Amino acid sequence: QEAARQQAAQQEAARQEAARLAQLQADQQRDLAQRQRAKQKAQRVERLRATGAQLNQEAARRDAAGALRRGWLFGRADPNADMV
């Protein structure tokens, strides 16, 4: 009976160790997945910022070019002396 009890205790200890290792491995996988998601999110945010900056630059160029080209000239009677 004592040998059976010791064997049962060893089996229980082995089961607990296996469960602990499985939990540790699951935690590591979960941490890795979280790090990957955070990295992907940071890359996405960086891409969006770069796109936004590019769009702002293009809009500024359009505004600057558009402001230089626009204007109406009403002949000699135009109030804008620079254009006349």
N, C-alpha and C. Protein backbone atom coordinates (compact mmCIF):
# COMPACT_ATOMS: atom_id res chain seq x y z
N GLN A 1 0.83 -1.20 0.00
CA GLN A 1 0.00 0.00 0.00
C GLN A 1 0.87 1.27 0.00
N GLU A 2 1.96 1.21 0.77
CA GLU A 2 2.86 2.37 0.83
C GLU A 2 3.47 2.64 -0.54
N ALA A 3 3.87 1.61 -1.24
CA ALA A 3 4.45 1.76 -2.58
C ALA A 3 3.41 2.34 -3.54
N ALA A 4 2.17 1.89 -3.41
CA ALA A 4 1.10 2.41 -4.26
C ALA A 4 0.86 3.88 -3.97
N ARG A 5 0.89 4.25 -2.68
CA ARG A 5 0.71 5.65 -2.30
C ARG A 5 1.85 6.52 -2.85
N GLN A 6 3.07 6.02 -2.75
CA GLN A 6 4.22 6.77 -3.27
C GLN A 6 4.12 6.93 -4.79
N GLN A 7 3.71 5.86 -5.45
CA GLN A 7 3.56 5.93 -6.89
C GLN A 7 2.45 6.92 -7.28
N ALA A 8 1.37 6.92 -6.55
CA ALA A 8 0.27 7.85 -6.81
C ALA A 8 0.73 9.29 -6.57
N ALA A 9 1.52 9.49 -5.52
CA ALA A 9 2.04 10.83 -5.23
C ALA A 9 2.99 11.29 -6.33
N GLN A 10 3.82 10.36 -6.82
CA GLN A 10 4.72 10.71 -7.92
C GLN A 10 3.94 11.06 -9.19
N GLN A 11 2.90 10.30 -9.46
CA GLN A 11 2.08 10.57 -10.64
C GLN A 11 1.38 11.92 -10.51
N GLU A 12 0.90 12.20 -9.32
CA GLU A 12 0.24 13.50 -9.08
C GLU A 12 1.24 14.64 -9.24
N ALA A 13 2.44 14.46 -8.72
CA ALA A 13 3.47 15.49 -8.86
C ALA A 13 3.84 15.68 -10.33
N ALA A 14 3.93 14.60 -11.08
CA ALA A 14 4.24 14.68 -12.51
C ALA A 14 3.11 15.38 -13.25
N ARG A 15 1.87 15.09 -12.89
CA ARG A 15 0.70 15.74 -13.51
C ARG A 15 0.71 17.23 -13.21
N GLN A 16 1.01 17.58 -11.98
CA GLN A 16 1.06 19.00 -11.61
C GLN A 16 2.18 19.73 -12.34
N GLU A 17 3.32 19.07 -12.46
CA GLU A 17 4.45 19.68 -13.18
C GLU A 17 4.11 19.87 -14.66
N ALA A 18 3.44 18.87 -15.26
CA ALA A 18 3.04 18.98 -16.65
C ALA A 18 2.02 20.12 -16.83
N ALA A 19 1.10 20.25 -15.89
CA ALA A 19 0.12 21.33 -15.96
C ALA A 19 0.80 22.68 -15.80
N ARG A 20 1.78 22.77 -14.92
CA ARG A 20 2.51 24.02 -14.72
C ARG A 20 3.28 24.40 -15.99
N LEU A 21 3.93 23.41 -16.60
CA LEU A 21 4.67 23.67 -17.83
C LEU A 21 3.73 24.09 -18.97
N ALA A 22 2.59 23.44 -19.05
CA ALA A 22 1.62 23.79 -20.09
C ALA A 22 1.11 25.22 -19.88
N GLN A 23 0.86 25.58 -18.65
CA GLN A 23 0.39 26.94 -18.34
C GLN A 23 1.47 27.96 -18.66
N LEU A 24 2.71 27.64 -18.33
CA LEU A 24 3.84 28.52 -18.63
C LEU A 24 3.98 28.72 -20.14
N GLN A 25 3.85 27.64 -20.88
CA GLN A 25 3.95 27.72 -22.33
C GLN A 25 2.79 28.55 -22.91
N ALA A 26 1.59 28.36 -22.39
CA ALA A 26 0.43 29.14 -22.85
C ALA A 26 0.63 30.63 -22.54
N ASP A 27 1.18 30.93 -21.36
CA ASP A 27 1.45 32.33 -21.00
C ASP A 27 2.47 32.94 -21.94
N GLN A 28 3.50 32.19 -22.27
CA GLN A 28 4.52 32.69 -23.18
C GLN A 28 3.94 32.96 -24.57
N GLN A 29 3.10 32.06 -25.05
CA GLN A 29 2.47 32.25 -26.36
C GLN A 29 1.56 33.46 -26.34
N ARG A 30 0.82 33.65 -25.26
CA ARG A 30 -0.08 34.80 -25.14
C ARG A 30 0.73 36.11 -25.11
N ASP A 31 1.84 36.09 -24.38
CA ASP A 31 2.70 37.28 -24.33
C ASP A 31 3.28 37.59 -25.70
N LEU A 32 3.71 36.56 -26.41
CA LEU A 32 4.25 36.75 -27.75
C LEU A 32 3.19 37.33 -28.69
N ALA A 33 1.99 36.80 -28.62
CA ALA A 33 0.89 37.31 -29.46
C ALA A 33 0.59 38.76 -29.13
N GLN A 34 0.59 39.12 -27.85
CA GLN A 34 0.34 40.50 -27.46
C GLN A 34 1.43 41.43 -27.97
N ARG A 35 2.68 41.00 -27.89
CA ARG A 35 3.79 41.81 -28.40
C ARG A 35 3.67 42.01 -29.91
N GLN A 36 3.29 40.95 -30.62
CA GLN A 36 3.13 41.05 -32.06
C GLN A 36 2.00 42.01 -32.42
N ARG A 37 0.88 41.92 -31.69
CA ARG A 37 -0.24 42.84 -31.95
C ARG A 37 0.17 44.28 -31.67
N ALA A 38 0.91 44.49 -30.59
CA ALA A 38 1.36 45.85 -30.26
C ALA A 38 2.31 46.37 -31.34
N LYS A 39 3.19 45.51 -31.83
CA LYS A 39 4.12 45.92 -32.88
C LYS A 39 3.37 46.26 -34.16
N GLN A 40 2.39 45.45 -34.52
CA GLN A 40 1.60 45.71 -35.72
C GLN A 40 0.81 47.01 -35.58
N LYS A 41 0.28 47.25 -34.39
CA LYS A 41 -0.48 48.47 -34.16
C LYS A 41 0.44 49.70 -34.28
N ALA A 42 1.64 49.59 -33.72
CA ALA A 42 2.59 50.70 -33.80
C ALA A 42 2.99 50.96 -35.25
N GLN A 43 3.19 49.89 -36.02
CA GLN A 43 3.53 50.06 -37.43
C GLN A 43 2.38 50.71 -38.20
N ARG A 44 1.17 50.31 -37.88
CA ARG A 44 -0.01 50.88 -38.55
C ARG A 44 -0.14 52.37 -38.22
N VAL A 45 0.06 52.72 -36.96
CA VAL A 45 -0.02 54.12 -36.55
C VAL A 45 1.06 54.93 -37.26
N GLU A 46 2.26 54.37 -37.36
CA GLU A 46 3.35 55.06 -38.05
C GLU A 46 3.02 55.27 -39.52
N ARG A 47 2.46 54.24 -40.17
CA ARG A 47 2.06 54.39 -41.57
C ARG A 47 1.00 55.46 -41.73
N LEU A 48 0.03 55.49 -40.83
CA LEU A 48 -1.02 56.50 -40.90
C LEU A 48 -0.46 57.90 -40.70
N ARG A 49 0.48 58.05 -39.77
CA ARG A 49 1.11 59.36 -39.55
C ARG A 49 1.88 59.80 -40.79
N ALA A 50 2.61 58.87 -41.39
CA ALA A 50 3.38 59.20 -42.60
C ALA A 50 2.44 59.60 -43.73
N THR A 51 1.35 58.87 -43.88
CA THR A 51 0.37 59.21 -44.91
C THR A 51 -0.25 60.56 -44.65
N GLY A 52 -0.59 60.84 -43.40
CA GLY A 52 -1.16 62.14 -43.04
C GLY A 52 -0.20 63.27 -43.32
N ALA A 53 1.08 63.06 -43.00
CA ALA A 53 2.08 64.10 -43.26
C ALA A 53 2.23 64.33 -44.76
N GLN A 54 2.22 63.26 -45.53
CA GLN A 54 2.33 63.40 -46.98
C GLN A 54 1.11 64.15 -47.53
N LEU A 55 -0.06 63.81 -47.06
CA LEU A 55 -1.27 64.50 -47.52
C LEU A 55 -1.25 65.97 -47.14
N ASN A 56 -0.75 66.28 -45.95
CA ASN A 56 -0.64 67.68 -45.53
C ASN A 56 0.32 68.44 -46.42
N GLN A 57 1.45 67.81 -46.77
CA GLN A 57 2.42 68.46 -47.65
C GLN A 57 1.82 68.71 -49.04
N GLU A 58 1.11 67.71 -49.56
CA GLU A 58 0.49 67.87 -50.87
C GLU A 58 -0.57 68.96 -50.84
N ALA A 59 -1.35 69.01 -49.78
CA ALA A 59 -2.38 70.05 -49.66
C ALA A 59 -1.73 71.43 -49.57
N ALA A 60 -0.63 71.54 -48.85
CA ALA A 60 0.05 72.82 -48.73
C ALA A 60 0.59 73.26 -50.09
N ARG A 61 1.14 72.31 -50.86
CA ARG A 61 1.63 72.65 -52.19
C ARG A 61 0.49 73.09 -53.11
N ARG A 62 -0.63 72.38 -53.03
CA ARG A 62 -1.79 72.75 -53.85
C ARG A 62 -2.30 74.13 -53.48
N ASP A 63 -2.37 74.39 -52.17
CA ASP A 63 -2.86 75.70 -51.72
C ASP A 63 -1.91 76.81 -52.16
N ALA A 64 -0.61 76.57 -52.05
CA ALA A 64 0.35 77.59 -52.44
C ALA A 64 0.29 77.84 -53.94
N ALA A 65 0.20 76.77 -54.72
CA ALA A 65 0.14 76.92 -56.17
C ALA A 65 -1.19 77.53 -56.60
N GLY A 66 -2.26 77.12 -55.94
CA GLY A 66 -3.59 77.62 -56.29
C GLY A 66 -3.72 79.09 -55.96
N ALA A 67 -3.12 79.53 -54.89
CA ALA A 67 -3.23 80.94 -54.49
C ALA A 67 -2.50 81.82 -55.49
N LEU A 68 -1.45 81.31 -56.08
CA LEU A 68 -0.68 82.10 -57.04
C LEU A 68 -1.41 82.22 -58.38
N ARG A 69 -2.19 81.25 -58.73
CA ARG A 69 -2.83 81.25 -60.03
C ARG A 69 -4.20 81.92 -60.04
N ARG A 70 -4.84 81.96 -58.91
CA ARG A 70 -6.22 82.44 -58.90
C ARG A 70 -6.30 83.95 -58.83
N GLY A 71 -7.25 84.46 -59.50
CA GLY A 71 -7.48 85.89 -59.46
C GLY A 71 -8.23 86.32 -60.72
N TRP A 72 -9.01 87.33 -60.58
CA TRP A 72 -9.76 87.87 -61.71
C TRP A 72 -9.26 89.28 -62.00
N LEU A 73 -9.16 89.56 -63.23
CA LEU A 73 -8.73 90.89 -63.63
C LEU A 73 -9.87 91.52 -64.41
N PHE A 74 -10.34 92.66 -63.92
CA PHE A 74 -11.45 93.35 -64.56
C PHE A 74 -10.94 94.57 -65.33
N GLY A 75 -9.91 94.37 -66.08
CA GLY A 75 -9.39 95.45 -66.89
C GLY A 75 -8.74 96.53 -66.05
N ARG A 76 -8.74 97.72 -66.56
CA ARG A 76 -8.09 98.84 -65.87
C ARG A 76 -8.84 99.28 -64.63
N ALA A 77 -10.10 98.90 -64.53
CA ALA A 77 -10.91 99.31 -63.39
C ALA A 77 -10.77 98.38 -62.20
N ASP A 78 -9.91 97.36 -62.29
CA ASP A 78 -9.76 96.40 -61.22
C ASP A 78 -9.16 97.09 -59.99
N PRO A 79 -9.71 96.81 -58.79
CA PRO A 79 -9.20 97.44 -57.58
C PRO A 79 -7.81 96.91 -57.19
N ASN A 80 -7.38 95.77 -57.71
CA ASN A 80 -6.08 95.23 -57.37
C ASN A 80 -5.04 95.83 -58.31
N ALA A 81 -4.30 96.80 -57.82
CA ALA A 81 -3.35 97.51 -58.65
C ALA A 81 -2.18 96.62 -59.07
N ASP A 82 -1.84 95.62 -58.26
CA ASP A 82 -0.73 94.74 -58.61
C ASP A 82 -1.06 93.91 -59.86
N MET A 83 -2.29 93.47 -59.96
CA MET A 83 -2.66 92.69 -61.11
C MET A 83 -2.80 93.54 -62.35
N VAL A 84 -3.27 94.77 -62.19
CA VAL A 84 -3.43 95.65 -63.35
C VAL A 84 -2.05 95.96 -63.88
